[in-house]
Amino acid sequence: MPSTPASANPCQACGACCATFRVSFYWADAEARGLPPALTEQVNPWLGCMAGTNRRAPRCAALDGTIGSEVGCRVYEQRPDPCREVQAGDSQCLKARARHGLPALSATG
């Protein structure tokens, strides 16, 4: 888990985005970032995704914990760009939180 306290990082008390979206990226990015092969899946000849996110009810295999309570990413430092792009309170965050019945966050957390 990242070392930032949950009070400073609302994402560590949420995890909804990790259990809402398919996290896809160019296949070579996984190796370049050092992602363990067991935590990625091939989508097509050009794209890979985080294991567990290419399902009807996605949940990233790297996510530990309970959605909406306390969560952490086992590969936080190596996470792909789609994970880095979602920000607390942005439109993707709000969509994910609503899907899991969590209240909206402001764009500042």
PDB file of N, CA and C in Angstrom:
ATOM      1  N   MET A   1       0.837  -1.185   0.000  1.00  0.00           N
ATOM      2  CA  MET A   1       0.000   0.000   0.000  1.00  0.00           C
ATOM      3  C   MET A   1       0.874   1.237   0.000  1.00  0.00           C
ATOM      4  N   PRO A   2       0.406   2.294  -0.630  1.00  0.00           N
ATOM      5  CA  PRO A   2       1.147   3.538  -0.550  1.00  0.00           C
ATOM      6  C   PRO A   2       1.227   4.011   0.891  1.00  0.00           C
ATOM      7  N   SER A   3       2.251   4.787   1.223  1.00  0.00           N
ATOM      8  CA  SER A   3       2.454   5.177   2.606  1.00  0.00           C
ATOM      9  C   SER A   3       1.680   6.417   3.029  1.00  0.00           C
ATOM     10  N   THR A   4       1.016   7.099   2.116  1.00  0.00           N
ATOM     11  CA  THR A   4       0.249   8.302   2.451  1.00  0.00           C
ATOM     12  C   THR A   4      -0.957   7.919   3.292  1.00  0.00           C
ATOM     13  N   PRO A   5      -1.196   8.595   4.436  1.00  0.00           N
ATOM     14  CA  PRO A   5      -2.368   8.261   5.244  1.00  0.00           C
ATOM     15  C   PRO A   5      -3.666   8.462   4.463  1.00  0.00           C
ATOM     16  N   ALA A   6      -4.664   7.616   4.743  1.00  0.00           N
ATOM     17  CA  ALA A   6      -5.948   7.678   4.046  1.00  0.00           C
ATOM     18  C   ALA A   6      -6.577   9.064   4.164  1.00  0.00           C
ATOM     19  N   SER A   7      -6.347   9.740   5.299  1.00  0.00           N
ATOM     20  CA  SER A   7      -6.932  11.065   5.462  1.00  0.00           C
ATOM     21  C   SER A   7      -6.355  12.053   4.451  1.00  0.00           C
ATOM     22  N   ALA A   8      -5.106  11.852   4.018  1.00  0.00           N
ATOM     23  CA  ALA A   8      -4.492  12.731   3.037  1.00  0.00           C
ATOM     24  C   ALA A   8      -4.775  12.273   1.611  1.00  0.00           C
ATOM     25  N   ASN A   9      -5.104  11.028   1.427  1.00  0.00           N
ATOM     26  CA  ASN A   9      -5.376  10.470   0.109  1.00  0.00           C
ATOM     27  C   ASN A   9      -6.712   9.725   0.154  1.00  0.00           C
ATOM     28  N   PRO A  10      -7.802  10.361  -0.267  1.00  0.00           N
ATOM     29  CA  PRO A  10      -9.118   9.719  -0.178  1.00  0.00           C
ATOM     30  C   PRO A  10      -9.203   8.433  -0.998  1.00  0.00           C
ATOM     31  N   CYS A  11      -8.318   8.248  -1.953  1.00  0.00           N
ATOM     32  CA  CYS A  11      -8.339   7.028  -2.769  1.00  0.00           C
ATOM     33  C   CYS A  11      -8.044   5.788  -1.932  1.00  0.00           C
ATOM     34  N   GLN A  12      -7.285   5.935  -0.859  1.00  0.00           N
ATOM     35  CA  GLN A  12      -6.959   4.788  -0.011  1.00  0.00           C
ATOM     36  C   GLN A  12      -8.124   4.361   0.867  1.00  0.00           C
ATOM     37  N   ALA A  13      -9.189   5.148   0.880  1.00  0.00           N
ATOM     38  CA  ALA A  13     -10.400   4.770   1.594  1.00  0.00           C
ATOM     39  C   ALA A  13     -11.524   4.518   0.598  1.00  0.00           C
ATOM     40  N   CYS A  14     -11.180   4.278  -0.660  1.00  0.00           N
ATOM     41  CA  CYS A  14     -12.199   4.127  -1.696  1.00  0.00           C
ATOM     42  C   CYS A  14     -11.936   2.897  -2.549  1.00  0.00           C
ATOM     43  N   GLY A  15     -11.146   3.041  -3.610  1.00  0.00           N
ATOM     44  CA  GLY A  15     -10.848   1.937  -4.522  1.00  0.00           C
ATOM     45  C   GLY A  15     -11.918   1.673  -5.555  1.00  0.00           C
ATOM     46  N   ALA A  16     -12.942   2.521  -5.624  1.00  0.00           N
ATOM     47  CA  ALA A  16     -14.047   2.276  -6.556  1.00  0.00           C
ATOM     48  C   ALA A  16     -13.597   2.236  -8.009  1.00  0.00           C
ATOM     49  N   CYS A  17     -12.659   3.101  -8.390  1.00  0.00           N
ATOM     50  CA  CYS A  17     -12.215   3.109  -9.793  1.00  0.00           C
ATOM     51  C   CYS A  17     -11.539   1.789 -10.151  1.00  0.00           C
ATOM     52  N   CYS A  18     -10.879   1.162  -9.195  1.00  0.00           N
ATOM     53  CA  CYS A  18     -10.183  -0.111  -9.425  1.00  0.00           C
ATOM     54  C   CYS A  18     -11.166  -1.274  -9.588  1.00  0.00           C
ATOM     55  N   ALA A  19     -12.406  -1.032  -9.260  1.00  0.00           N
ATOM     56  CA  ALA A  19     -13.436  -2.062  -9.367  1.00  0.00           C
ATOM     57  C   ALA A  19     -14.590  -1.578 -10.242  1.00  0.00           C
ATOM     58  N   THR A  20     -14.271  -0.698 -11.208  1.00  0.00           N
ATOM     59  CA  THR A  20     -15.292  -0.171 -12.110  1.00  0.00           C
ATOM     60  C   THR A  20     -14.861  -0.208 -13.567  1.00  0.00           C
ATOM     61  N   PHE A  21     -13.608   0.116 -13.844  1.00  0.00           N
ATOM     62  CA  PHE A  21     -13.149   0.297 -15.220  1.00  0.00           C
ATOM     63  C   PHE A  21     -12.151  -0.769 -15.657  1.00  0.00           C
ATOM     64  N   ARG A  22     -12.121  -1.037 -16.968  1.00  0.00           N
ATOM     65  CA  ARG A  22     -11.031  -1.841 -17.515  1.00  0.00           C
ATOM     66  C   ARG A  22      -9.820  -0.924 -17.617  1.00  0.00           C
ATOM     67  N   VAL A  23      -8.704  -1.391 -17.107  1.00  0.00           N
ATOM     68  CA  VAL A  23      -7.468  -0.625 -17.131  1.00  0.00           C
ATOM     69  C   VAL A  23      -6.612  -1.165 -18.271  1.00  0.00           C
ATOM     70  N   SER A  24      -6.758  -0.582 -19.468  1.00  0.00           N
ATOM     71  CA  SER A  24      -6.002  -1.058 -20.627  1.00  0.00           C
ATOM     72  C   SER A  24      -4.895  -0.104 -21.009  1.00  0.00           C
ATOM     73  N   PHE A  25      -3.864  -0.684 -21.617  1.00  0.00           N
ATOM     74  CA  PHE A  25      -2.668   0.062 -21.988  1.00  0.00           C
ATOM     75  C   PHE A  25      -1.938  -0.700 -23.084  1.00  0.00           C
ATOM     76  N   TYR A  26      -1.048  -0.014 -23.783  1.00  0.00           N
ATOM     77  CA  TYR A  26      -0.223  -0.658 -24.796  1.00  0.00           C
ATOM     78  C   TYR A  26       0.563  -1.773 -24.119  1.00  0.00           C
ATOM     79  N   TRP A  27       0.567  -2.961 -24.715  1.00  0.00           N
ATOM     80  CA  TRP A  27       1.100  -4.163 -24.072  1.00  0.00           C
ATOM     81  C   TRP A  27       2.522  -3.992 -23.558  1.00  0.00           C
ATOM     82  N   ALA A  28       3.394  -3.262 -24.251  1.00  0.00           N
ATOM     83  CA  ALA A  28       4.786  -3.124 -23.829  1.00  0.00           C
ATOM     84  C   ALA A  28       4.932  -2.251 -22.580  1.00  0.00           C
ATOM     85  N   ASP A  29       3.925  -1.445 -22.269  1.00  0.00           N
ATOM     86  CA  ASP A  29       4.000  -0.589 -21.087  1.00  0.00           C
ATOM     87  C   ASP A  29       4.075  -1.395 -19.798  1.00  0.00           C
ATOM     88  N   ALA A  30       3.451  -2.553 -19.763  1.00  0.00           N
ATOM     89  CA  ALA A  30       3.469  -3.380 -18.549  1.00  0.00           C
ATOM     90  C   ALA A  30       4.896  -3.783 -18.199  1.00  0.00           C
ATOM     91  N   GLU A  31       5.613  -4.271 -19.168  1.00  0.00           N
ATOM     92  CA  GLU A  31       6.997  -4.673 -18.927  1.00  0.00           C
ATOM     93  C   GLU A  31       7.867  -3.459 -18.606  1.00  0.00           C
ATOM     94  N   ALA A  32       7.660  -2.368 -19.321  1.00  0.00           N
ATOM     95  CA  ALA A  32       8.445  -1.157 -19.096  1.00  0.00           C
ATOM     96  C   ALA A  32       8.261  -0.626 -17.674  1.00  0.00           C
ATOM     97  N   ARG A  33       7.071  -0.782 -17.120  1.00  0.00           N
ATOM     98  CA  ARG A  33       6.792  -0.311 -15.753  1.00  0.00           C
ATOM     99  C   ARG A  33       7.170  -1.337 -14.691  1.00  0.00           C
ATOM    100  N   GLY A  34       7.454  -2.564 -15.125  1.00  0.00           N
ATOM    101  CA  GLY A  34       7.812  -3.607 -14.166  1.00  0.00           C
ATOM    102  C   GLY A  34       6.615  -4.304 -13.542  1.00  0.00           C
ATOM    103  N   LEU A  35       5.463  -4.265 -14.220  1.00  0.00           N
ATOM    104  CA  LEU A  35       4.277  -4.954 -13.696  1.00  0.00           C
ATOM    105  C   LEU A  35       4.472  -6.463 -13.782  1.00  0.00           C
ATOM    106  N   PRO A  36       4.167  -7.198 -12.740  1.00  0.00           N
ATOM    107  CA  PRO A  36       4.286  -8.649 -12.781  1.00  0.00           C
ATOM    108  C   PRO A  36       3.333  -9.230 -13.833  1.00  0.00           C
ATOM    109  N   PRO A  37       3.810 -10.146 -14.679  1.00  0.00           N
ATOM    110  CA  PRO A  37       2.959 -10.741 -15.718  1.00  0.00           C
ATOM    111  C   PRO A  37       1.668 -11.349 -15.167  1.00  0.00           C
ATOM    112  N   ALA A  38       1.691 -11.860 -13.950  1.00  0.00           N
ATOM    113  CA  ALA A  38       0.488 -12.466 -13.358  1.00  0.00           C
ATOM    114  C   ALA A  38      -0.605 -11.434 -13.095  1.00  0.00           C
ATOM    115  N   LEU A  39      -0.253 -10.149 -13.091  1.00  0.00           N
ATOM    116  CA  LEU A  39      -1.241  -9.101 -12.822  1.00  0.00           C
ATOM    117  C   LEU A  39      -1.714  -8.398 -14.085  1.00  0.00           C
ATOM    118  N   THR A  40      -1.352  -8.939 -15.252  1.00  0.00           N
ATOM    119  CA  THR A  40      -1.818  -8.368 -16.510  1.00  0.00           C
ATOM    120  C   THR A  40      -2.450  -9.449 -17.376  1.00  0.00           C
ATOM    121  N   GLU A  41      -3.310  -9.035 -18.287  1.00  0.00           N
ATOM    122  CA  GLU A  41      -3.964  -9.929 -19.246  1.00  0.00           C
ATOM    123  C   GLU A  41      -3.829  -9.320 -20.636  1.00  0.00           C
ATOM    124  N   GLN A  42      -3.770 -10.169 -21.641  1.00  0.00           N
ATOM    125  CA  GLN A  42      -3.739  -9.709 -23.026  1.00  0.00           C
ATOM    126  C   GLN A  42      -5.175  -9.442 -23.481  1.00  0.00           C
ATOM    127  N   VAL A  43      -5.446  -8.274 -24.057  1.00  0.00           N
ATOM    128  CA  VAL A  43      -6.771  -7.927 -24.580  1.00  0.00           C
ATOM    129  C   VAL A  43      -6.821  -8.219 -26.072  1.00  0.00           C
ATOM    130  N   ASN A  44      -5.785  -7.806 -26.786  1.00  0.00           N
ATOM    131  CA  ASN A  44      -5.635  -8.060 -28.221  1.00  0.00           C
ATOM    132  C   ASN A  44      -4.139  -7.956 -28.524  1.00  0.00           C
ATOM    133  N   PRO A  45      -3.725  -8.072 -29.786  1.00  0.00           N
ATOM    134  CA  PRO A  45      -2.277  -8.028 -30.061  1.00  0.00           C
ATOM    135  C   PRO A  45      -1.583  -6.725 -29.636  1.00  0.00           C
ATOM    136  N   TRP A  46      -2.301  -5.651 -29.423  1.00  0.00           N
ATOM    137  CA  TRP A  46      -1.708  -4.365 -29.078  1.00  0.00           C
ATOM    138  C   TRP A  46      -1.959  -3.930 -27.644  1.00  0.00           C
ATOM    139  N   LEU A  47      -3.032  -4.411 -27.059  1.00  0.00           N
ATOM    140  CA  LEU A  47      -3.417  -3.947 -25.720  1.00  0.00           C
ATOM    141  C   LEU A  47      -3.366  -5.048 -24.674  1.00  0.00           C
ATOM    142  N   GLY A  48      -2.930  -4.637 -23.488  1.00  0.00           N
ATOM    143  CA  GLY A  48      -3.039  -5.476 -22.306  1.00  0.00           C
ATOM    144  C   GLY A  48      -3.923  -4.738 -21.320  1.00  0.00           C
ATOM    145  N   CYS A  49      -4.248  -5.391 -20.222  1.00  0.00           N
ATOM    146  CA  CYS A  49      -5.005  -4.721 -19.163  1.00  0.00           C
ATOM    147  C   CYS A  49      -4.601  -5.315 -17.830  1.00  0.00           C
ATOM    148  N   MET A  50      -4.945  -4.631 -16.774  1.00  0.00           N
ATOM    149  CA  MET A  50      -4.708  -5.172 -15.449  1.00  0.00           C
ATOM    150  C   MET A  50      -5.634  -6.373 -15.264  1.00  0.00           C
ATOM    151  N   ALA A  51      -5.087  -7.450 -14.742  1.00  0.00           N
ATOM    152  CA  ALA A  51      -5.859  -8.671 -14.517  1.00  0.00           C
ATOM    153  C   ALA A  51      -7.083  -8.361 -13.666  1.00  0.00           C
ATOM    154  N   GLY A  52      -8.200  -8.920 -14.072  1.00  0.00           N
ATOM    155  CA  GLY A  52      -9.444  -8.744 -13.341  1.00  0.00           C
ATOM    156  C   GLY A  52     -10.291  -7.577 -13.803  1.00  0.00           C
ATOM    157  N   THR A  53      -9.726  -6.687 -14.638  1.00  0.00           N
ATOM    158  CA  THR A  53     -10.495  -5.512 -15.048  1.00  0.00           C
ATOM    159  C   THR A  53     -11.226  -5.696 -16.366  1.00  0.00           C
ATOM    160  N   ASN A  54     -11.013  -6.808 -17.040  1.00  0.00           N
ATOM    161  CA  ASN A  54     -11.682  -7.054 -18.327  1.00  0.00           C
ATOM    162  C   ASN A  54     -12.861  -7.999 -18.120  1.00  0.00           C
ATOM    163  N   ARG A  55     -13.670  -7.701 -17.133  1.00  0.00           N
ATOM    164  CA  ARG A  55     -14.840  -8.522 -16.782  1.00  0.00           C
ATOM    165  C   ARG A  55     -16.070  -7.642 -16.682  1.00  0.00           C
ATOM    166  N   ARG A  56     -17.209  -8.305 -16.697  1.00  0.00           N
ATOM    167  CA  ARG A  56     -18.471  -7.563 -16.529  1.00  0.00           C
ATOM    168  C   ARG A  56     -18.494  -6.823 -15.191  1.00  0.00           C
ATOM    169  N   ALA A  57     -17.992  -7.466 -14.156  1.00  0.00           N
ATOM    170  CA  ALA A  57     -17.862  -6.836 -12.834  1.00  0.00           C
ATOM    171  C   ALA A  57     -16.365  -6.737 -12.539  1.00  0.00           C
ATOM    172  N   PRO A  58     -15.701  -5.696 -13.053  1.00  0.00           N
ATOM    173  CA  PRO A  58     -14.245  -5.605 -12.913  1.00  0.00           C
ATOM    174  C   PRO A  58     -13.793  -5.384 -11.477  1.00  0.00           C
ATOM    175  N   ARG A  59     -12.636  -5.922 -11.184  1.00  0.00           N
ATOM    176  CA  ARG A  59     -11.910  -5.626  -9.939  1.00  0.00           C
ATOM    177  C   ARG A  59     -10.455  -5.960 -10.212  1.00  0.00           C
ATOM    178  N   CYS A  60      -9.607  -4.984 -10.115  1.00  0.00           N
ATOM    179  CA  CYS A  60      -8.196  -5.173 -10.399  1.00  0.00           C
ATOM    180  C   CYS A  60      -7.591  -6.182  -9.432  1.00  0.00           C
ATOM    181  N   ALA A  61      -6.816  -7.107  -9.975  1.00  0.00           N
ATOM    182  CA  ALA A  61      -6.172  -8.143  -9.162  1.00  0.00           C
ATOM    183  C   ALA A  61      -5.122  -7.556  -8.224  1.00  0.00           C
ATOM    184  N   ALA A  62      -4.652  -6.346  -8.488  1.00  0.00           N
ATOM    185  CA  ALA A  62      -3.655  -5.710  -7.623  1.00  0.00           C
ATOM    186  C   ALA A  62      -4.284  -4.963  -6.450  1.00  0.00           C
ATOM    187  N   LEU A  63      -5.609  -4.882  -6.421  1.00  0.00           N
ATOM    188  CA  LEU A  63      -6.311  -4.145  -5.360  1.00  0.00           C
ATOM    189  C   LEU A  63      -6.507  -5.030  -4.136  1.00  0.00           C
ATOM    190  N   ASP A  64      -6.052  -4.544  -3.007  1.00  0.00           N
ATOM    191  CA  ASP A  64      -6.280  -5.214  -1.719  1.00  0.00           C
ATOM    192  C   ASP A  64      -7.251  -4.380  -0.909  1.00  0.00           C
ATOM    193  N   GLY A  65      -8.078  -5.037  -0.110  1.00  0.00           N
ATOM    194  CA  GLY A  65      -8.954  -4.327   0.805  1.00  0.00           C
ATOM    195  C   GLY A  65     -10.402  -4.313   0.379  1.00  0.00           C
ATOM    196  N   THR A  66     -11.182  -3.504   1.067  1.00  0.00           N
ATOM    197  CA  THR A  66     -12.622  -3.409   0.877  1.00  0.00           C
ATOM    198  C   THR A  66     -12.979  -2.062   0.253  1.00  0.00           C
ATOM    199  N   ILE A  67     -13.696  -2.116  -0.874  1.00  0.00           N
ATOM    200  CA  ILE A  67     -14.119  -0.891  -1.560  1.00  0.00           C
ATOM    201  C   ILE A  67     -14.891  -0.013  -0.584  1.00  0.00           C
ATOM    202  N   GLY A  68     -14.541   1.266  -0.542  1.00  0.00           N
ATOM    203  CA  GLY A  68     -15.242   2.230   0.302  1.00  0.00           C
ATOM    204  C   GLY A  68     -14.804   2.217   1.747  1.00  0.00           C
ATOM    205  N   SER A  69     -13.820   1.397   2.078  1.00  0.00           N
ATOM    206  CA  SER A  69     -13.374   1.307   3.456  1.00  0.00           C
ATOM    207  C   SER A  69     -11.880   1.600   3.557  1.00  0.00           C
ATOM    208  N   GLU A  70     -11.079   0.630   3.193  1.00  0.00           N
ATOM    209  CA  GLU A  70      -9.626   0.808   3.195  1.00  0.00           C
ATOM    210  C   GLU A  70      -9.051  -0.079   2.116  1.00  0.00           C
ATOM    211  N   VAL A  71      -8.337   0.512   1.166  1.00  0.00           N
ATOM    212  CA  VAL A  71      -7.780  -0.235   0.044  1.00  0.00           C
ATOM    213  C   VAL A  71      -6.334   0.184  -0.211  1.00  0.00           C
ATOM    214  N   GLY A  72      -5.652  -0.646  -0.960  1.00  0.00           N
ATOM    215  CA  GLY A  72      -4.293  -0.341  -1.385  1.00  0.00           C
ATOM    216  C   GLY A  72      -3.977  -1.103  -2.653  1.00  0.00           C
ATOM    217  N   CYS A  73      -3.030  -0.592  -3.396  1.00  0.00           N
ATOM    218  CA  CYS A  73      -2.601  -1.207  -4.642  1.00  0.00           C
ATOM    219  C   CYS A  73      -1.248  -1.871  -4.416  1.00  0.00           C
ATOM    220  N   ARG A  74      -1.159  -3.152  -4.738  1.00  0.00           N
ATOM    221  CA  ARG A  74       0.102  -3.879  -4.558  1.00  0.00           C
ATOM    222  C   ARG A  74       1.182  -3.423  -5.527  1.00  0.00           C
ATOM    223  N   VAL A  75       0.817  -2.735  -6.598  1.00  0.00           N
ATOM    224  CA  VAL A  75       1.807  -2.281  -7.589  1.00  0.00           C
ATOM    225  C   VAL A  75       1.685  -0.769  -7.809  1.00  0.00           C
ATOM    226  N   TYR A  76       1.415  -0.034  -6.754  1.00  0.00           N
ATOM    227  CA  TYR A  76       1.153   1.397  -6.867  1.00  0.00           C
ATOM    228  C   TYR A  76       2.249   2.140  -7.630  1.00  0.00           C
ATOM    229  N   GLU A  77       3.489   1.891  -7.331  1.00  0.00           N
ATOM    230  CA  GLU A  77       4.586   2.593  -7.997  1.00  0.00           C
ATOM    231  C   GLU A  77       4.700   2.210  -9.471  1.00  0.00           C
ATOM    232  N   GLN A  78       4.269   1.007  -9.851  1.00  0.00           N
ATOM    233  CA  GLN A  78       4.349   0.534 -11.228  1.00  0.00           C
ATOM    234  C   GLN A  78       3.033   0.690 -11.992  1.00  0.00           C
ATOM    235  N   ARG A  79       2.000   1.224 -11.360  1.00  0.00           N
ATOM    236  CA  ARG A  79       0.673   1.288 -11.976  1.00  0.00           C
ATOM    237  C   ARG A  79       0.739   1.965 -13.344  1.00  0.00           C
ATOM    238  N   PRO A  80      -0.101   1.509 -14.288  1.00  0.00           N
ATOM    239  CA  PRO A  80      -0.086   2.081 -15.640  1.00  0.00           C
ATOM    240  C   PRO A  80      -0.749   3.462 -15.689  1.00  0.00           C
ATOM    241  N   ASP A  81      -0.563   4.133 -16.816  1.00  0.00           N
ATOM    242  CA  ASP A  81      -1.084   5.493 -16.995  1.00  0.00           C
ATOM    243  C   ASP A  81      -2.576   5.648 -16.707  1.00  0.00           C
ATOM    244  N   PRO A  82      -3.461   4.719 -17.152  1.00  0.00           N
ATOM    245  CA  PRO A  82      -4.886   4.930 -16.846  1.00  0.00           C
ATOM    246  C   PRO A  82      -5.154   5.053 -15.348  1.00  0.00           C
ATOM    247  N   CYS A  83      -4.393   4.341 -14.537  1.00  0.00           N
ATOM    248  CA  CYS A  83      -4.559   4.449 -13.082  1.00  0.00           C
ATOM    249  C   CYS A  83      -4.068   5.797 -12.572  1.00  0.00           C
ATOM    250  N   ARG A  84      -3.016   6.303 -13.169  1.00  0.00           N
ATOM    251  CA  ARG A  84      -2.449   7.582 -12.761  1.00  0.00           C
ATOM    252  C   ARG A  84      -3.324   8.758 -13.183  1.00  0.00           C
ATOM    253  N   GLU A  85      -4.121   8.573 -14.237  1.00  0.00           N
ATOM    254  CA  GLU A  85      -4.923   9.668 -14.783  1.00  0.00           C
ATOM    255  C   GLU A  85      -6.182   9.969 -13.980  1.00  0.00           C
ATOM    256  N   VAL A  86      -6.774   8.977 -13.320  1.00  0.00           N
ATOM    257  CA  VAL A  86      -7.974   9.224 -12.517  1.00  0.00           C
ATOM    258  C   VAL A  86      -7.566  10.004 -11.274  1.00  0.00           C
ATOM    259  N   GLN A  87      -8.260  11.094 -11.025  1.00  0.00           N
ATOM    260  CA  GLN A  87      -7.971  11.943  -9.870  1.00  0.00           C
ATOM    261  C   GLN A  87      -9.186  12.001  -8.956  1.00  0.00           C
ATOM    262  N   ALA A  88      -8.951  12.080  -7.669  1.00  0.00           N
ATOM    263  CA  ALA A  88     -10.043  12.163  -6.693  1.00  0.00           C
ATOM    264  C   ALA A  88     -10.980  13.305  -7.060  1.00  0.00           C
ATOM    265  N   GLY A  89     -12.251  12.988  -7.235  1.00  0.00           N
ATOM    266  CA  GLY A  89     -13.268  13.997  -7.525  1.00  0.00           C
ATOM    267  C   GLY A  89     -13.492  14.277  -8.993  1.00  0.00           C
ATOM    268  N   ASP A  90     -12.695  13.677  -9.905  1.00  0.00           N
ATOM    269  CA  ASP A  90     -12.933  13.927 -11.332  1.00  0.00           C
ATOM    270  C   ASP A  90     -14.119  13.098 -11.830  1.00  0.00           C
ATOM    271  N   SER A  91     -14.471  13.242 -13.102  1.00  0.00           N
ATOM    272  CA  SER A  91     -15.673  12.596 -13.619  1.00  0.00           C
ATOM    273  C   SER A  91     -15.593  11.066 -13.535  1.00  0.00           C
ATOM    274  N   GLN A  92     -14.426  10.486 -13.777  1.00  0.00           N
ATOM    275  CA  GLN A  92     -14.281   9.028 -13.678  1.00  0.00           C
ATOM    276  C   GLN A  92     -14.441   8.577 -12.228  1.00  0.00           C
ATOM    277  N   CYS A  93     -13.864   9.321 -11.316  1.00  0.00           N
ATOM    278  CA  CYS A  93     -14.000   9.037  -9.891  1.00  0.00           C
ATOM    279  C   CYS A  93     -15.472   9.064  -9.476  1.00  0.00           C
ATOM    280  N   LEU A  94     -16.169  10.112  -9.878  1.00  0.00           N
ATOM    281  CA  LEU A  94     -17.582  10.252  -9.508  1.00  0.00           C
ATOM    282  C   LEU A  94     -18.422   9.110 -10.055  1.00  0.00           C
ATOM    283  N   LYS A  95     -18.138   8.691 -11.300  1.00  0.00           N
ATOM    284  CA  LYS A  95     -18.847   7.565 -11.918  1.00  0.00           C
ATOM    285  C   LYS A  95     -18.611   6.281 -11.129  1.00  0.00           C
ATOM    286  N   ALA A  96     -17.354   6.042 -10.770  1.00  0.00           N
ATOM    287  CA  ALA A  96     -16.998   4.827 -10.031  1.00  0.00           C
ATOM    288  C   ALA A  96     -17.619   4.830  -8.638  1.00  0.00           C
ATOM    289  N   ARG A  97     -17.532   5.947  -7.955  1.00  0.00           N
ATOM    290  CA  ARG A  97     -18.100   6.017  -6.602  1.00  0.00           C
ATOM    291  C   ARG A  97     -19.609   5.812  -6.634  1.00  0.00           C
ATOM    292  N   ALA A  98     -20.288   6.396  -7.618  1.00  0.00           N
ATOM    293  CA  ALA A  98     -21.738   6.215  -7.735  1.00  0.00           C
ATOM    294  C   ALA A  98     -22.073   4.745  -7.970  1.00  0.00           C
ATOM    295  N   ARG A  99     -21.302   4.069  -8.805  1.00  0.00           N
ATOM    296  CA  ARG A  99     -21.550   2.648  -9.082  1.00  0.00           C
ATOM    297  C   ARG A  99     -21.482   1.807  -7.810  1.00  0.00           C
ATOM    298  N   HIS A 100     -20.648   2.222  -6.868  1.00  0.00           N
ATOM    299  CA  HIS A 100     -20.476   1.464  -5.628  1.00  0.00           C
ATOM    300  C   HIS A 100     -21.254   2.063  -4.460  1.00  0.00           C
ATOM    301  N   GLY A 101     -22.136   3.014  -4.760  1.00  0.00           N
ATOM    302  CA  GLY A 101     -22.985   3.614  -3.720  1.00  0.00           C
ATOM    303  C   GLY A 101     -22.243   4.501  -2.739  1.00  0.00           C
ATOM    304  N   LEU A 102     -21.131   5.077  -3.184  1.00  0.00           N
ATOM    305  CA  LEU A 102     -20.358   5.952  -2.322  1.00  0.00           C
ATOM    306  C   LEU A 102     -20.674   7.407  -2.635  1.00  0.00           C
ATOM    307  N   PRO A 103     -20.598   8.298  -1.653  1.00  0.00           N
ATOM    308  CA  PRO A 103     -20.884   9.713  -1.907  1.00  0.00           C
ATOM    309  C   PRO A 103     -19.809  10.335  -2.786  1.00  0.00           C
ATOM    310  N   ALA A 104     -20.170  11.377  -3.491  1.00  0.00           N
ATOM    311  CA  ALA A 104     -19.249  12.090  -4.382  1.00  0.00           C
ATOM    312  C   ALA A 104     -18.166  12.798  -3.555  1.00  0.00           C
ATOM    313  N   LEU A 105     -17.004  12.935  -4.171  1.00  0.00           N
ATOM    314  CA  LEU A 105     -15.928  13.747  -3.602  1.00  0.00           C
ATOM    315  C   LEU A 105     -15.830  15.026  -4.385  1.00  0.00           C
ATOM    316  N   SER A 106     -15.324  16.072  -3.771  1.00  0.00           N
ATOM    317  CA  SER A 106     -15.034  17.285  -4.528  1.00  0.00           C
ATOM    318  C   SER A 106     -13.733  17.047  -5.283  1.00  0.00           C
ATOM    319  N   ALA A 107     -13.452  17.824  -6.305  1.00  0.00           N
ATOM    320  CA  ALA A 107     -12.245  17.667  -7.110  1.00  0.00           C
ATOM    321  C   ALA A 107     -10.981  17.858  -6.288  1.00  0.00           C
ATOM    322  N   THR A 108     -11.075  18.439  -5.133  1.00  0.00           N
ATOM    323  CA  THR A 108      -9.907  18.621  -4.268  1.00  0.00           C
ATOM    324  C   THR A 108      -9.823  17.535  -3.213  1.00  0.00           C
ATOM    325  N   GLY A 109     -10.730  16.555  -3.254  1.00  0.00           N
ATOM    326  CA  GLY A 109     -10.656  15.477  -2.278  1.00  0.00           C
ATOM    327  C   GLY A 109     -11.776  15.589  -1.306  1.00  0.00           C
TER     328      GLY A 109
END
